[in-house]
Structures are given as C-alpha cells and as structure tokens.
PDB file of N, CA and C in Angstrom:
ATOM      1  N   MET A   1     -14.550  25.065  14.837  1.00  0.00           N
ATOM      2  CA  MET A   1     -13.616  24.002  14.511  1.00  0.00           C
ATOM      3  C   MET A   1     -13.613  23.723  13.011  1.00  0.00           C
ATOM      4  N   SER A   2     -12.482  23.440  12.506  1.00  0.00           N
ATOM      5  CA  SER A   2     -12.332  23.153  11.094  1.00  0.00           C
ATOM      6  C   SER A   2     -12.444  21.652  10.859  1.00  0.00           C
ATOM      7  N   ASP A   3     -13.027  21.286   9.723  1.00  0.00           N
ATOM      8  CA  ASP A   3     -13.141  19.872   9.365  1.00  0.00           C
ATOM      9  C   ASP A   3     -11.900  19.362   8.651  1.00  0.00           C
ATOM     10  N   GLN A   4     -10.977  20.277   8.353  1.00  0.00           N
ATOM     11  CA  GLN A   4      -9.769  19.885   7.645  1.00  0.00           C
ATOM     12  C   GLN A   4      -8.755  19.304   8.622  1.00  0.00           C
ATOM     13  N   PRO A   5      -8.031  18.256   8.151  1.00  0.00           N
ATOM     14  CA  PRO A   5      -6.985  17.698   9.020  1.00  0.00           C
ATOM     15  C   PRO A   5      -5.853  18.697   9.201  1.00  0.00           C
ATOM     16  N   ALA A   6      -5.136  18.539  10.280  1.00  0.00           N
ATOM     17  CA  ALA A   6      -3.987  19.407  10.546  1.00  0.00           C
ATOM     18  C   ALA A   6      -2.949  19.204   9.446  1.00  0.00           C
ATOM     19  N   PRO A   7      -2.288  20.268   9.008  1.00  0.00           N
ATOM     20  CA  PRO A   7      -1.263  20.117   7.962  1.00  0.00           C
ATOM     21  C   PRO A   7      -0.114  19.252   8.470  1.00  0.00           C
ATOM     22  N   LEU A   8       0.467  18.504   7.535  1.00  0.00           N
ATOM     23  CA  LEU A   8       1.586  17.642   7.885  1.00  0.00           C
ATOM     24  C   LEU A   8       2.839  18.483   8.114  1.00  0.00           C
ATOM     25  N   SER A   9       3.675  18.006   9.004  1.00  0.00           N
ATOM     26  CA  SER A   9       4.943  18.695   9.246  1.00  0.00           C
ATOM     27  C   SER A   9       5.844  18.524   8.024  1.00  0.00           C
ATOM     28  N   LEU A  10       6.858  19.350   7.934  1.00  0.00           N
ATOM     29  CA  LEU A  10       7.801  19.269   6.830  1.00  0.00           C
ATOM     30  C   LEU A  10       8.442  17.890   6.769  1.00  0.00           C
ATOM     31  N   ALA A  11       8.810  17.345   7.900  1.00  0.00           N
ATOM     32  CA  ALA A  11       9.442  16.025   7.933  1.00  0.00           C
ATOM     33  C   ALA A  11       8.493  14.955   7.400  1.00  0.00           C
ATOM     34  N   LYS A  12       7.225  15.022   7.764  1.00  0.00           N
ATOM     35  CA  LYS A  12       6.258  14.025   7.288  1.00  0.00           C
ATOM     36  C   LYS A  12       6.010  14.185   5.792  1.00  0.00           C
ATOM     37  N   ARG A  13       5.968  15.419   5.320  1.00  0.00           N
ATOM     38  CA  ARG A  13       5.782  15.634   3.880  1.00  0.00           C
ATOM     39  C   ARG A  13       6.950  15.044   3.097  1.00  0.00           C
ATOM     40  N   TRP A  14       8.164  15.250   3.580  1.00  0.00           N
ATOM     41  CA  TRP A  14       9.328  14.691   2.903  1.00  0.00           C
ATOM     42  C   TRP A  14       9.345  13.171   2.993  1.00  0.00           C
ATOM     43  N   ARG A  15       8.961  12.632   4.133  1.00  0.00           N
ATOM     44  CA  ARG A  15       8.878  11.183   4.285  1.00  0.00           C
ATOM     45  C   ARG A  15       7.886  10.616   3.267  1.00  0.00           C
ATOM     46  N   ASN A  16       6.753  11.298   3.097  1.00  0.00           N
ATOM     47  CA  ASN A  16       5.754  10.860   2.114  1.00  0.00           C
ATOM     48  C   ASN A  16       6.316  10.923   0.697  1.00  0.00           C
ATOM     49  N   LYS A  17       7.063  11.971   0.393  1.00  0.00           N
ATOM     50  CA  LYS A  17       7.656  12.099  -0.944  1.00  0.00           C
ATOM     51  C   LYS A  17       8.617  10.948  -1.221  1.00  0.00           C
ATOM     52  N   PHE A  18       9.465  10.621  -0.248  1.00  0.00           N
ATOM     53  CA  PHE A  18      10.398   9.517  -0.429  1.00  0.00           C
ATOM     54  C   PHE A  18       9.669   8.186  -0.526  1.00  0.00           C
ATOM     55  N   ALA A  19       8.609   8.010   0.253  1.00  0.00           N
ATOM     56  CA  ALA A  19       7.822   6.773   0.183  1.00  0.00           C
ATOM     57  C   ALA A  19       7.216   6.609  -1.211  1.00  0.00           C
ATOM     58  N   CYS A  20       6.679   7.690  -1.772  1.00  0.00           N
ATOM     59  CA  CYS A  20       6.108   7.633  -3.125  1.00  0.00           C
ATOM     60  C   CYS A  20       7.195   7.334  -4.156  1.00  0.00           C
ATOM     61  N   ALA A  21       8.352   7.962  -4.016  1.00  0.00           N
ATOM     62  CA  ALA A  21       9.453   7.735  -4.949  1.00  0.00           C
ATOM     63  C   ALA A  21       9.938   6.285  -4.885  1.00  0.00           C
ATOM     64  N   LEU A  22      10.082   5.757  -3.685  1.00  0.00           N
ATOM     65  CA  LEU A  22      10.516   4.360  -3.534  1.00  0.00           C
ATOM     66  C   LEU A  22       9.472   3.405  -4.092  1.00  0.00           C
ATOM     67  N   ARG A  23       8.191   3.727  -3.892  1.00  0.00           N
ATOM     68  CA  ARG A  23       7.115   2.915  -4.463  1.00  0.00           C
ATOM     69  C   ARG A  23       7.233   2.905  -5.985  1.00  0.00           C
ATOM     70  N   GLY A  24       7.529   4.060  -6.572  1.00  0.00           N
ATOM     71  CA  GLY A  24       7.704   4.141  -8.018  1.00  0.00           C
ATOM     72  C   GLY A  24       8.866   3.291  -8.504  1.00  0.00           C
ATOM     73  N   ILE A  25       9.958   3.298  -7.782  1.00  0.00           N
ATOM     74  CA  ILE A  25      11.112   2.472  -8.155  1.00  0.00           C
ATOM     75  C   ILE A  25      10.753   0.995  -8.088  1.00  0.00           C
ATOM     76  N   VAL A  26      10.061   0.599  -7.031  1.00  0.00           N
ATOM     77  CA  VAL A  26       9.648  -0.804  -6.882  1.00  0.00           C
ATOM     78  C   VAL A  26       8.720  -1.213  -8.024  1.00  0.00           C
ATOM     79  N   ILE A  27       7.737  -0.362  -8.339  1.00  0.00           N
ATOM     80  CA  ILE A  27       6.831  -0.656  -9.448  1.00  0.00           C
ATOM     81  C   ILE A  27       7.627  -0.800 -10.743  1.00  0.00           C
ATOM     82  N   GLY A  28       8.541   0.122 -10.986  1.00  0.00           N
ATOM     83  CA  GLY A  28       9.359   0.044 -12.193  1.00  0.00           C
ATOM     84  C   GLY A  28      10.167  -1.240 -12.257  1.00  0.00           C
ATOM     85  N   CYS A  29      10.801  -1.586 -11.165  1.00  0.00           N
ATOM     86  CA  CYS A  29      11.671  -2.762 -11.145  1.00  0.00           C
ATOM     87  C   CYS A  29      10.911  -4.074 -11.284  1.00  0.00           C
ATOM     88  N   PHE A  30       9.738  -4.171 -10.695  1.00  0.00           N
ATOM     89  CA  PHE A  30       9.031  -5.443 -10.660  1.00  0.00           C
ATOM     90  C   PHE A  30       7.875  -5.562 -11.649  1.00  0.00           C
ATOM     91  N   GLU A  31       7.429  -4.456 -12.208  1.00  0.00           N
ATOM     92  CA  GLU A  31       6.282  -4.530 -13.101  1.00  0.00           C
ATOM     93  C   GLU A  31       6.593  -4.143 -14.540  1.00  0.00           C
ATOM     94  N   GLU A  32       7.774  -3.650 -14.812  1.00  0.00           N
ATOM     95  CA  GLU A  32       8.139  -3.252 -16.165  1.00  0.00           C
ATOM     96  C   GLU A  32       9.145  -4.252 -16.732  1.00  0.00           C
ATOM     97  N   ASP A  33       8.818  -4.793 -17.907  1.00  0.00           N
ATOM     98  CA  ASP A  33       9.642  -5.833 -18.524  1.00  0.00           C
ATOM     99  C   ASP A  33      11.063  -5.378 -18.824  1.00  0.00           C
ATOM    100  N   SER A  34      11.245  -4.124 -19.164  1.00  0.00           N
ATOM    101  CA  SER A  34      12.572  -3.637 -19.546  1.00  0.00           C
ATOM    102  C   SER A  34      13.582  -3.765 -18.414  1.00  0.00           C
ATOM    103  N   PHE A  35      13.116  -3.727 -17.190  1.00  0.00           N
ATOM    104  CA  PHE A  35      14.037  -3.855 -16.068  1.00  0.00           C
ATOM    105  C   PHE A  35      14.615  -5.259 -15.974  1.00  0.00           C
ATOM    106  N   ALA A  36      13.971  -6.240 -16.603  1.00  0.00           N
ATOM    107  CA  ALA A  36      14.517  -7.600 -16.631  1.00  0.00           C
ATOM    108  C   ALA A  36      15.805  -7.643 -17.446  1.00  0.00           C
ATOM    109  N   ILE A  37      16.017  -6.644 -18.297  1.00  0.00           N
ATOM    110  CA  ILE A  37      17.263  -6.528 -19.064  1.00  0.00           C
ATOM    111  C   ILE A  37      18.226  -5.553 -18.384  1.00  0.00           C
ATOM    112  N   HIS A  38      17.708  -4.382 -17.998  1.00  0.00           N
ATOM    113  CA  HIS A  38      18.577  -3.323 -17.477  1.00  0.00           C
ATOM    114  C   HIS A  38      19.215  -3.673 -16.127  1.00  0.00           C
ATOM    115  N   LEU A  39      18.458  -4.247 -15.221  1.00  0.00           N
ATOM    116  CA  LEU A  39      19.029  -4.555 -13.895  1.00  0.00           C
ATOM    117  C   LEU A  39      20.112  -5.635 -13.961  1.00  0.00           C
ATOM    118  N   PRO A  40      19.877  -6.776 -14.635  1.00  0.00           N
ATOM    119  CA  PRO A  40      20.978  -7.747 -14.741  1.00  0.00           C
ATOM    120  C   PRO A  40      22.200  -7.179 -15.463  1.00  0.00           C
ATOM    121  N   ALA A  41      21.980  -6.355 -16.497  1.00  0.00           N
ATOM    122  CA  ALA A  41      23.116  -5.737 -17.191  1.00  0.00           C
ATOM    123  C   ALA A  41      23.904  -4.851 -16.240  1.00  0.00           C
ATOM    124  N   ALA A  42      23.187  -4.085 -15.410  1.00  0.00           N
ATOM    125  CA  ALA A  42      23.858  -3.218 -14.439  1.00  0.00           C
ATOM    126  C   ALA A  42      24.677  -4.044 -13.453  1.00  0.00           C
ATOM    127  N   VAL A  43      24.115  -5.138 -12.980  1.00  0.00           N
ATOM    128  CA  VAL A  43      24.833  -6.001 -12.029  1.00  0.00           C
ATOM    129  C   VAL A  43      26.080  -6.589 -12.686  1.00  0.00           C
ATOM    130  N   ILE A  44      25.931  -7.044 -13.927  1.00  0.00           N
ATOM    131  CA  ILE A  44      27.082  -7.618 -14.638  1.00  0.00           C
ATOM    132  C   ILE A  44      28.189  -6.584 -14.782  1.00  0.00           C
ATOM    133  N   VAL A  45      27.834  -5.374 -15.170  1.00  0.00           N
ATOM    134  CA  VAL A  45      28.829  -4.304 -15.327  1.00  0.00           C
ATOM    135  C   VAL A  45      29.524  -4.029 -13.999  1.00  0.00           C
ATOM    136  N   LEU A  46      28.743  -3.931 -12.932  1.00  0.00           N
ATOM    137  CA  LEU A  46      29.334  -3.617 -11.629  1.00  0.00           C
ATOM    138  C   LEU A  46      30.215  -4.752 -11.108  1.00  0.00           C
ATOM    139  N   VAL A  47      29.789  -5.991 -11.302  1.00  0.00           N
ATOM    140  CA  VAL A  47      30.595  -7.137 -10.861  1.00  0.00           C
ATOM    141  C   VAL A  47      31.869  -7.227 -11.695  1.00  0.00           C
ATOM    142  N   TYR A  48      31.724  -7.113 -13.006  1.00  0.00           N
ATOM    143  CA  TYR A  48      32.907  -7.188 -13.878  1.00  0.00           C
ATOM    144  C   TYR A  48      33.865  -6.041 -13.591  1.00  0.00           C
ATOM    145  N   GLY A  49      33.326  -4.844 -13.388  1.00  0.00           N
ATOM    146  CA  GLY A  49      34.165  -3.692 -13.070  1.00  0.00           C
ATOM    147  C   GLY A  49      34.956  -3.899 -11.793  1.00  0.00           C
ATOM    148  N   SER A  50      34.314  -4.469 -10.788  1.00  0.00           N
ATOM    149  CA  SER A  50      35.040  -4.700  -9.527  1.00  0.00           C
ATOM    150  C   SER A  50      36.088  -5.791  -9.689  1.00  0.00           C
ATOM    151  N   SER A  51      35.839  -6.761 -10.565  1.00  0.00           N
ATOM    152  CA  SER A  51      36.842  -7.813 -10.774  1.00  0.00           C
ATOM    153  C   SER A  51      38.025  -7.313 -11.585  1.00  0.00           C
ATOM    154  N   GLN A  52      37.855  -6.211 -12.312  1.00  0.00           N
ATOM    155  CA  GLN A  52      38.928  -5.660 -13.144  1.00  0.00           C
ATOM    156  C   GLN A  52      39.731  -4.572 -12.433  1.00  0.00           C
ATOM    157  N   GLY A  53      39.380  -4.250 -11.206  1.00  0.00           N
ATOM    158  CA  GLY A  53      40.111  -3.229 -10.461  1.00  0.00           C
ATOM    159  C   GLY A  53      39.993  -1.845 -11.082  1.00  0.00           C
ATOM    160  N   VAL A  54      38.805  -1.498 -11.482  1.00  0.00           N
ATOM    161  CA  VAL A  54      38.553  -0.196 -12.118  1.00  0.00           C
ATOM    162  C   VAL A  54      38.839   0.917 -11.111  1.00  0.00           C
ATOM    163  N   GLY A  55      39.424   2.013 -11.596  1.00  0.00           N
ATOM    164  CA  GLY A  55      39.753   3.152 -10.742  1.00  0.00           C
ATOM    165  C   GLY A  55      38.536   3.985 -10.383  1.00  0.00           C
ATOM    166  N   LEU A  56      38.756   4.998  -9.561  1.00  0.00           N
ATOM    167  CA  LEU A  56      37.657   5.804  -9.031  1.00  0.00           C
ATOM    168  C   LEU A  56      36.886   6.543 -10.121  1.00  0.00           C
ATOM    169  N   ILE A  57      37.557   7.251 -10.991  1.00  0.00           N
ATOM    170  CA  ILE A  57      36.864   8.032 -12.027  1.00  0.00           C
ATOM    171  C   ILE A  57      36.083   7.107 -12.978  1.00  0.00           C
ATOM    172  N   PRO A  58      36.692   6.019 -13.473  1.00  0.00           N
ATOM    173  CA  PRO A  58      35.900   5.100 -14.292  1.00  0.00           C
ATOM    174  C   PRO A  58      34.690   4.523 -13.536  1.00  0.00           C
ATOM    175  N   TRP A  59      34.870   4.260 -12.245  1.00  0.00           N
ATOM    176  CA  TRP A  59      33.736   3.772 -11.446  1.00  0.00           C
ATOM    177  C   TRP A  59      32.621   4.799 -11.407  1.00  0.00           C
ATOM    178  N   LEU A  60      32.986   6.040 -11.198  1.00  0.00           N
ATOM    179  CA  LEU A  60      31.981   7.097 -11.167  1.00  0.00           C
ATOM    180  C   LEU A  60      31.232   7.166 -12.496  1.00  0.00           C
ATOM    181  N   LEU A  61      31.962   7.036 -13.592  1.00  0.00           N
ATOM    182  CA  LEU A  61      31.325   7.056 -14.908  1.00  0.00           C
ATOM    183  C   LEU A  61      30.397   5.860 -15.103  1.00  0.00           C
ATOM    184  N   LEU A  62      30.830   4.678 -14.673  1.00  0.00           N
ATOM    185  CA  LEU A  62      29.978   3.487 -14.793  1.00  0.00           C
ATOM    186  C   LEU A  62      28.700   3.625 -13.966  1.00  0.00           C
ATOM    187  N   VAL A  63      28.845   4.077 -12.741  1.00  0.00           N
ATOM    188  CA  VAL A  63      27.667   4.259 -11.875  1.00  0.00           C
ATOM    189  C   VAL A  63      26.736   5.320 -12.461  1.00  0.00           C
ATOM    190  N   LEU A  64      27.305   6.392 -12.974  1.00  0.00           N
ATOM    191  CA  LEU A  64      26.494   7.442 -13.593  1.00  0.00           C
ATOM    192  C   LEU A  64      25.741   6.900 -14.812  1.00  0.00           C
ATOM    193  N   CYS A  65      26.408   6.127 -15.634  1.00  0.00           N
ATOM    194  CA  CYS A  65      25.758   5.547 -16.813  1.00  0.00           C
ATOM    195  C   CYS A  65      24.611   4.617 -16.413  1.00  0.00           C
ATOM    196  N   VAL A  66      24.845   3.753 -15.451  1.00  0.00           N
ATOM    197  CA  VAL A  66      23.792   2.845 -14.974  1.00  0.00           C
ATOM    198  C   VAL A  66      22.611   3.654 -14.443  1.00  0.00           C
ATOM    199  N   THR A  67      22.902   4.684 -13.669  1.00  0.00           N
ATOM    200  CA  THR A  67      21.854   5.527 -13.098  1.00  0.00           C
ATOM    201  C   THR A  67      21.044   6.218 -14.186  1.00  0.00           C
ATOM    202  N   ILE A  68      21.709   6.731 -15.194  1.00  0.00           N
ATOM    203  CA  ILE A  68      21.016   7.421 -16.283  1.00  0.00           C
ATOM    204  C   ILE A  68      20.097   6.462 -17.035  1.00  0.00           C
ATOM    205  N   VAL A  69      20.568   5.258 -17.323  1.00  0.00           N
ATOM    206  CA  VAL A  69      19.741   4.292 -18.041  1.00  0.00           C
ATOM    207  C   VAL A  69      18.516   3.910 -17.207  1.00  0.00           C
ATOM    208  N   LEU A  70      18.712   3.631 -15.931  1.00  0.00           N
ATOM    209  CA  LEU A  70      17.572   3.245 -15.084  1.00  0.00           C
ATOM    210  C   LEU A  70      16.584   4.400 -14.923  1.00  0.00           C
ATOM    211  N   ALA A  71      17.094   5.613 -14.777  1.00  0.00           N
ATOM    212  CA  ALA A  71      16.205   6.774 -14.673  1.00  0.00           C
ATOM    213  C   ALA A  71      15.435   6.982 -15.973  1.00  0.00           C
ATOM    214  N   ALA A  72      16.113   6.843 -17.110  1.00  0.00           N
ATOM    215  CA  ALA A  72      15.436   6.985 -18.402  1.00  0.00           C
ATOM    216  C   ALA A  72      14.333   5.942 -18.535  1.00  0.00           C
ATOM    217  N   GLU A  73      14.602   4.735 -18.101  1.00  0.00           N
ATOM    218  CA  GLU A  73      13.586   3.677 -18.168  1.00  0.00           C
ATOM    219  C   GLU A  73      12.405   3.988 -17.253  1.00  0.00           C
ATOM    220  N   LEU A  74      12.669   4.545 -16.087  1.00  0.00           N
ATOM    221  CA  LEU A  74      11.567   4.933 -15.193  1.00  0.00           C
ATOM    222  C   LEU A  74      10.726   6.039 -15.814  1.00  0.00           C
ATOM    223  N   PHE A  75      11.366   7.036 -16.430  1.00  0.00           N
ATOM    224  CA  PHE A  75      10.618   8.093 -17.123  1.00  0.00           C
ATOM    225  C   PHE A  75       9.770   7.496 -18.248  1.00  0.00           C
ATOM    226  N   ASN A  76      10.369   6.611 -19.022  1.00  0.00           N
ATOM    227  CA  ASN A  76       9.652   5.982 -20.124  1.00  0.00           C
ATOM    228  C   ASN A  76       8.437   5.202 -19.601  1.00  0.00           C
ATOM    229  N   SER A  77       8.634   4.463 -18.540  1.00  0.00           N
ATOM    230  CA  SER A  77       7.533   3.689 -17.962  1.00  0.00           C
ATOM    231  C   SER A  77       6.430   4.606 -17.459  1.00  0.00           C
ATOM    232  N   ALA A  78       6.805   5.722 -16.861  1.00  0.00           N
ATOM    233  CA  ALA A  78       5.798   6.680 -16.382  1.00  0.00           C
ATOM    234  C   ALA A  78       4.990   7.237 -17.546  1.00  0.00           C
ATOM    235  N   ILE A  79       5.661   7.567 -18.637  1.00  0.00           N
ATOM    236  CA  ILE A  79       4.960   8.099 -19.802  1.00  0.00           C
ATOM    237  C   ILE A  79       4.043   7.031 -20.394  1.00  0.00           C
ATOM    238  N   GLU A  80       4.495   5.784 -20.444  1.00  0.00           N
ATOM    239  CA  GLU A  80       3.651   4.696 -20.948  1.00  0.00           C
ATOM    240  C   GLU A  80       2.379   4.551 -20.112  1.00  0.00           C
ATOM    241  N   ARG A  81       2.520   4.629 -18.805  1.00  0.00           N
ATOM    242  CA  ARG A  81       1.340   4.500 -17.932  1.00  0.00           C
ATOM    243  C   ARG A  81       0.405   5.695 -18.071  1.00  0.00           C
ATOM    244  N   LEU A  82       0.965   6.879 -18.192  1.00  0.00           N
ATOM    245  CA  LEU A  82       0.119   8.060 -18.409  1.00  0.00           C
ATOM    246  C   LEU A  82      -0.645   7.944 -19.728  1.00  0.00           C
ATOM    247  N   ALA A  83       0.043   7.498 -20.763  1.00  0.00           N
ATOM    248  CA  ALA A  83      -0.608   7.346 -22.065  1.00  0.00           C
ATOM    249  C   ALA A  83      -1.746   6.331 -21.981  1.00  0.00           C
ATOM    250  N   ALA A  84      -1.513   5.225 -21.289  1.00  0.00           N
ATOM    251  CA  ALA A  84      -2.556   4.208 -21.135  1.00  0.00           C
ATOM    252  C   ALA A  84      -3.739   4.746 -20.334  1.00  0.00           C
ATOM    253  N   ALA A  85      -3.466   5.628 -19.388  1.00  0.00           N
ATOM    254  CA  ALA A  85      -4.545   6.202 -18.587  1.00  0.00           C
ATOM    255  C   ALA A  85      -5.356   7.221 -19.379  1.00  0.00           C
ATOM    256  N   ILE A  86      -4.721   7.861 -20.353  1.00  0.00           N
ATOM    257  CA  ILE A  86      -5.390   8.898 -21.132  1.00  0.00           C
ATOM    258  C   ILE A  86      -6.279   8.289 -22.216  1.00  0.00           C
ATOM    259  N   THR A  87      -5.735   7.331 -22.966  1.00  0.00           N
ATOM    260  CA  THR A  87      -6.514   6.764 -24.060  1.00  0.00           C
ATOM    261  C   THR A  87      -5.983   5.391 -24.443  1.00  0.00           C
ATOM    262  N   HIS A  88      -6.900   4.545 -24.906  1.00  0.00           N
ATOM    263  CA  HIS A  88      -6.502   3.248 -25.465  1.00  0.00           C
ATOM    264  C   HIS A  88      -6.665   3.260 -26.979  1.00  0.00           C
ATOM    265  N   GLU A  89      -7.142   4.387 -27.499  1.00  0.00           N
ATOM    266  CA  GLU A  89      -7.303   4.536 -28.938  1.00  0.00           C
ATOM    267  C   GLU A  89      -5.960   4.892 -29.567  1.00  0.00           C
ATOM    268  N   VAL A  90      -5.833   4.562 -30.840  1.00  0.00           N
ATOM    269  CA  VAL A  90      -4.618   4.921 -31.560  1.00  0.00           C
ATOM    270  C   VAL A  90      -4.628   6.433 -31.771  1.00  0.00           C
ATOM    271  N   ASN A  91      -3.583   7.070 -31.270  1.00  0.00           N
ATOM    272  CA  ASN A  91      -3.439   8.508 -31.409  1.00  0.00           C
ATOM    273  C   ASN A  91      -2.008   8.768 -31.857  1.00  0.00           C
ATOM    274  N   PRO A  92      -1.830   9.378 -33.014  1.00  0.00           N
ATOM    275  CA  PRO A  92      -0.461   9.589 -33.516  1.00  0.00           C
ATOM    276  C   PRO A  92       0.430  10.386 -32.570  1.00  0.00           C
ATOM    277  N   LEU A  93      -0.128  11.353 -31.879  1.00  0.00           N
ATOM    278  CA  LEU A  93       0.691  12.153 -30.959  1.00  0.00           C
ATOM    279  C   LEU A  93       1.116  11.339 -29.739  1.00  0.00           C
ATOM    280  N   VAL A  94       0.217  10.522 -29.223  1.00  0.00           N
ATOM    281  CA  VAL A  94       0.566   9.655 -28.091  1.00  0.00           C
ATOM    282  C   VAL A  94       1.604   8.636 -28.538  1.00  0.00           C
ATOM    283  N   ARG A  95       1.395   8.045 -29.737  1.00  0.00           N
ATOM    284  CA  ARG A  95       2.369   7.088 -30.272  1.00  0.00           C
ATOM    285  C   ARG A  95       3.742   7.738 -30.416  1.00  0.00           C
ATOM    286  N   ASP A  96       3.774   8.963 -30.949  1.00  0.00           N
ATOM    287  CA  ASP A  96       5.047   9.668 -31.102  1.00  0.00           C
ATOM    288  C   ASP A  96       5.717   9.909 -29.746  1.00  0.00           C
ATOM    289  N   ALA A  97       4.939  10.321 -28.760  1.00  0.00           N
ATOM    290  CA  ALA A  97       5.494  10.563 -27.420  1.00  0.00           C
ATOM    291  C   ALA A  97       6.089   9.276 -26.847  1.00  0.00           C
ATOM    292  N   LEU A  98       5.375   8.164 -27.025  1.00  0.00           N
ATOM    293  CA  LEU A  98       5.879   6.885 -26.522  1.00  0.00           C
ATOM    294  C   LEU A  98       7.149   6.470 -27.260  1.00  0.00           C
ATOM    295  N   ASP A  99       7.170   6.680 -28.579  1.00  0.00           N
ATOM    296  CA  ASP A  99       8.357   6.324 -29.355  1.00  0.00           C
ATOM    297  C   ASP A  99       9.556   7.205 -28.991  1.00  0.00           C
ATOM    298  N   ILE A 100       9.304   8.476 -28.763  1.00  0.00           N
ATOM    299  CA  ILE A 100      10.382   9.385 -28.364  1.00  0.00           C
ATOM    300  C   ILE A 100      10.948   8.967 -27.002  1.00  0.00           C
ATOM    301  N   ALA A 101      10.074   8.628 -26.071  1.00  0.00           N
ATOM    302  CA  ALA A 101      10.536   8.189 -24.750  1.00  0.00           C
ATOM    303  C   ALA A 101      11.344   6.897 -24.857  1.00  0.00           C
ATOM    304  N   SER A 102      10.883   5.974 -25.695  1.00  0.00           N
ATOM    305  CA  SER A 102      11.649   4.741 -25.909  1.00  0.00           C
ATOM    306  C   SER A 102      12.986   5.038 -26.559  1.00  0.00           C
ATOM    307  N   GLY A 103      12.990   5.989 -27.487  1.00  0.00           N
ATOM    308  CA  GLY A 103      14.242   6.394 -28.113  1.00  0.00           C
ATOM    309  C   GLY A 103      15.224   6.969 -27.114  1.00  0.00           C
ATOM    310  N   ALA A 104      14.716   7.712 -26.140  1.00  0.00           N
ATOM    311  CA  ALA A 104      15.582   8.272 -25.096  1.00  0.00           C
ATOM    312  C   ALA A 104      16.253   7.162 -24.295  1.00  0.00           C
ATOM    313  N   VAL A 105      15.501   6.109 -24.000  1.00  0.00           N
ATOM    314  CA  VAL A 105      16.092   4.982 -23.281  1.00  0.00           C
ATOM    315  C   VAL A 105      17.164   4.324 -24.141  1.00  0.00           C
ATOM    316  N   LEU A 106      16.881   4.153 -25.422  1.00  0.00           N
ATOM    317  CA  LEU A 106      17.859   3.536 -26.318  1.00  0.00           C
ATOM    318  C   LEU A 106      19.135   4.372 -26.399  1.00  0.00           C
ATOM    319  N   VAL A 107      18.999   5.680 -26.522  1.00  0.00           N
ATOM    320  CA  VAL A 107      20.173   6.561 -26.569  1.00  0.00           C
ATOM    321  C   VAL A 107      20.993   6.422 -25.283  1.00  0.00           C
ATOM    322  N   ALA A 108      20.311   6.441 -24.144  1.00  0.00           N
ATOM    323  CA  ALA A 108      21.005   6.302 -22.852  1.00  0.00           C
ATOM    324  C   ALA A 108      21.715   4.950 -22.765  1.00  0.00           C
ATOM    325  N   ALA A 109      21.028   3.883 -23.189  1.00  0.00           N
ATOM    326  CA  ALA A 109      21.609   2.542 -23.099  1.00  0.00           C
ATOM    327  C   ALA A 109      22.805   2.390 -24.041  1.00  0.00           C
ATOM    328  N   LEU A 110      22.697   2.910 -25.253  1.00  0.00           N
ATOM    329  CA  LEU A 110      23.824   2.820 -26.186  1.00  0.00           C
ATOM    330  C   LEU A 110      25.015   3.642 -25.696  1.00  0.00           C
ATOM    331  N   GLY A 111      24.740   4.823 -25.164  1.00  0.00           N
ATOM    332  CA  GLY A 111      25.820   5.632 -24.604  1.00  0.00           C
ATOM    333  C   GLY A 111      26.487   4.945 -23.420  1.00  0.00           C
ATOM    334  N   ALA A 112      25.663   4.356 -22.561  1.00  0.00           N
ATOM    335  CA  ALA A 112      26.210   3.636 -21.404  1.00  0.00           C
ATOM    336  C   ALA A 112      27.030   2.433 -21.857  1.00  0.00           C
ATOM    337  N   ALA A 113      26.553   1.729 -22.874  1.00  0.00           N
ATOM    338  CA  ALA A 113      27.293   0.573 -23.387  1.00  0.00           C
ATOM    339  C   ALA A 113      28.640   1.010 -23.961  1.00  0.00           C
ATOM    340  N   ALA A 114      28.654   2.127 -24.668  1.00  0.00           N
ATOM    341  CA  ALA A 114      29.911   2.637 -25.224  1.00  0.00           C
ATOM    342  C   ALA A 114      30.895   3.003 -24.118  1.00  0.00           C
ATOM    343  N   VAL A 115      30.403   3.721 -23.118  1.00  0.00           N
ATOM    344  CA  VAL A 115      31.277   4.103 -21.987  1.00  0.00           C
ATOM    345  C   VAL A 115      31.779   2.841 -21.273  1.00  0.00           C
ATOM    346  N   GLY A 116      30.856   1.914 -21.022  1.00  0.00           N
ATOM    347  CA  GLY A 116      31.244   0.659 -20.350  1.00  0.00           C
ATOM    348  C   GLY A 116      32.288  -0.108 -21.139  1.00  0.00           C
ATOM    349  N   ALA A 117      32.093  -0.216 -22.434  1.00  0.00           N
ATOM    350  CA  ALA A 117      33.055  -0.941 -23.271  1.00  0.00           C
ATOM    351  C   ALA A 117      34.422  -0.262 -23.265  1.00  0.00           C
ATOM    352  N   LEU A 118      34.426   1.072 -23.353  1.00  0.00           N
ATOM    353  CA  LEU A 118      35.701   1.789 -23.333  1.00  0.00           C
ATOM    354  C   LEU A 118      36.419   1.611 -22.000  1.00  0.00           C
ATOM    355  N   ILE A 119      35.676   1.597 -20.907  1.00  0.00           N
ATOM    356  CA  ILE A 119      36.310   1.466 -19.592  1.00  0.00           C
ATOM    357  C   ILE A 119      36.735   0.022 -19.332  1.00  0.00           C
ATOM    358  N   LEU A 120      35.852  -0.924 -19.626  1.00  0.00           N
ATOM    359  CA  LEU A 120      36.089  -2.300 -19.207  1.00  0.00           C
ATOM    360  C   LEU A 120      36.938  -3.120 -20.177  1.00  0.00           C
ATOM    361  N   PHE A 121      36.989  -2.694 -21.448  1.00  0.00           N
ATOM    362  CA  PHE A 121      37.672  -3.517 -22.442  1.00  0.00           C
ATOM    363  C   PHE A 121      38.840  -2.823 -23.134  1.00  0.00           C
ATOM    364  N   SER A 122      39.297  -1.709 -22.563  1.00  0.00           N
ATOM    365  CA  SER A 122      40.440  -1.056 -23.208  1.00  0.00           C
ATOM    366  C   SER A 122      41.614  -0.971 -22.265  1.00  0.00           C
TER     367      SER A 122
END
C-alpha cells in the first residue's frame, strides 16, 4: 500500500485552481489599498456608461479597459507580496521591479481613462 493520497480528478484540480484564483481576487479587493480607488472608478464608469446608452462596441472597450486595470493591479499586488516575502532590506533591483509594476498599473489606468473619456464624453 502506498502512503500517498489518491491523485485528484481533473475536475477537482480545476475546482481547486478556480478556488485559489477567487481567493486571490478577494485578497486583492479587500486587502490592497489601490482597489479602494479602482473598484469605485470602475463602478462609476459602468453606471455612467449605462446611463448614456453606450453602444455594444464602446461597452466592450470599457469592460476591457476596466478588466485590464484590475488585472494589472492584481499583478502589481502579487509582485509586492513576493518582494516582501523575499526581503525587507532595501534592494535596488527589488525596488526597480516594484516601481516597474506600479508603472504598469499607471499606464493601464491612464489608457483606460483616455478610452473612457473618448467614449463617454465625445
């Protein structure tokens, strides 16, 4: 007899993957300060867009922009947590990685704001 547990079925492995992913989203939304800005902004854009009768293609672009910004913020948060787990000492390479990740969020947010402004205010 083997002491190893029976391997999980494909369905259970996928269920576990989704559970971990959803846990990550919850952690990002409730434990990261940046989401206090990004989530309300996303809601405002979506509510305002629906009140303006935005068409299908502009809606797709707005949803895509919101998704990209939130995903970028989740990536940034993951990198911040990894950096904190690796070292608490000042390390120029870690600092650069954190700044680059923050820059990626800023680029995504500015691009999303530009797209949103063009769709909602023109």
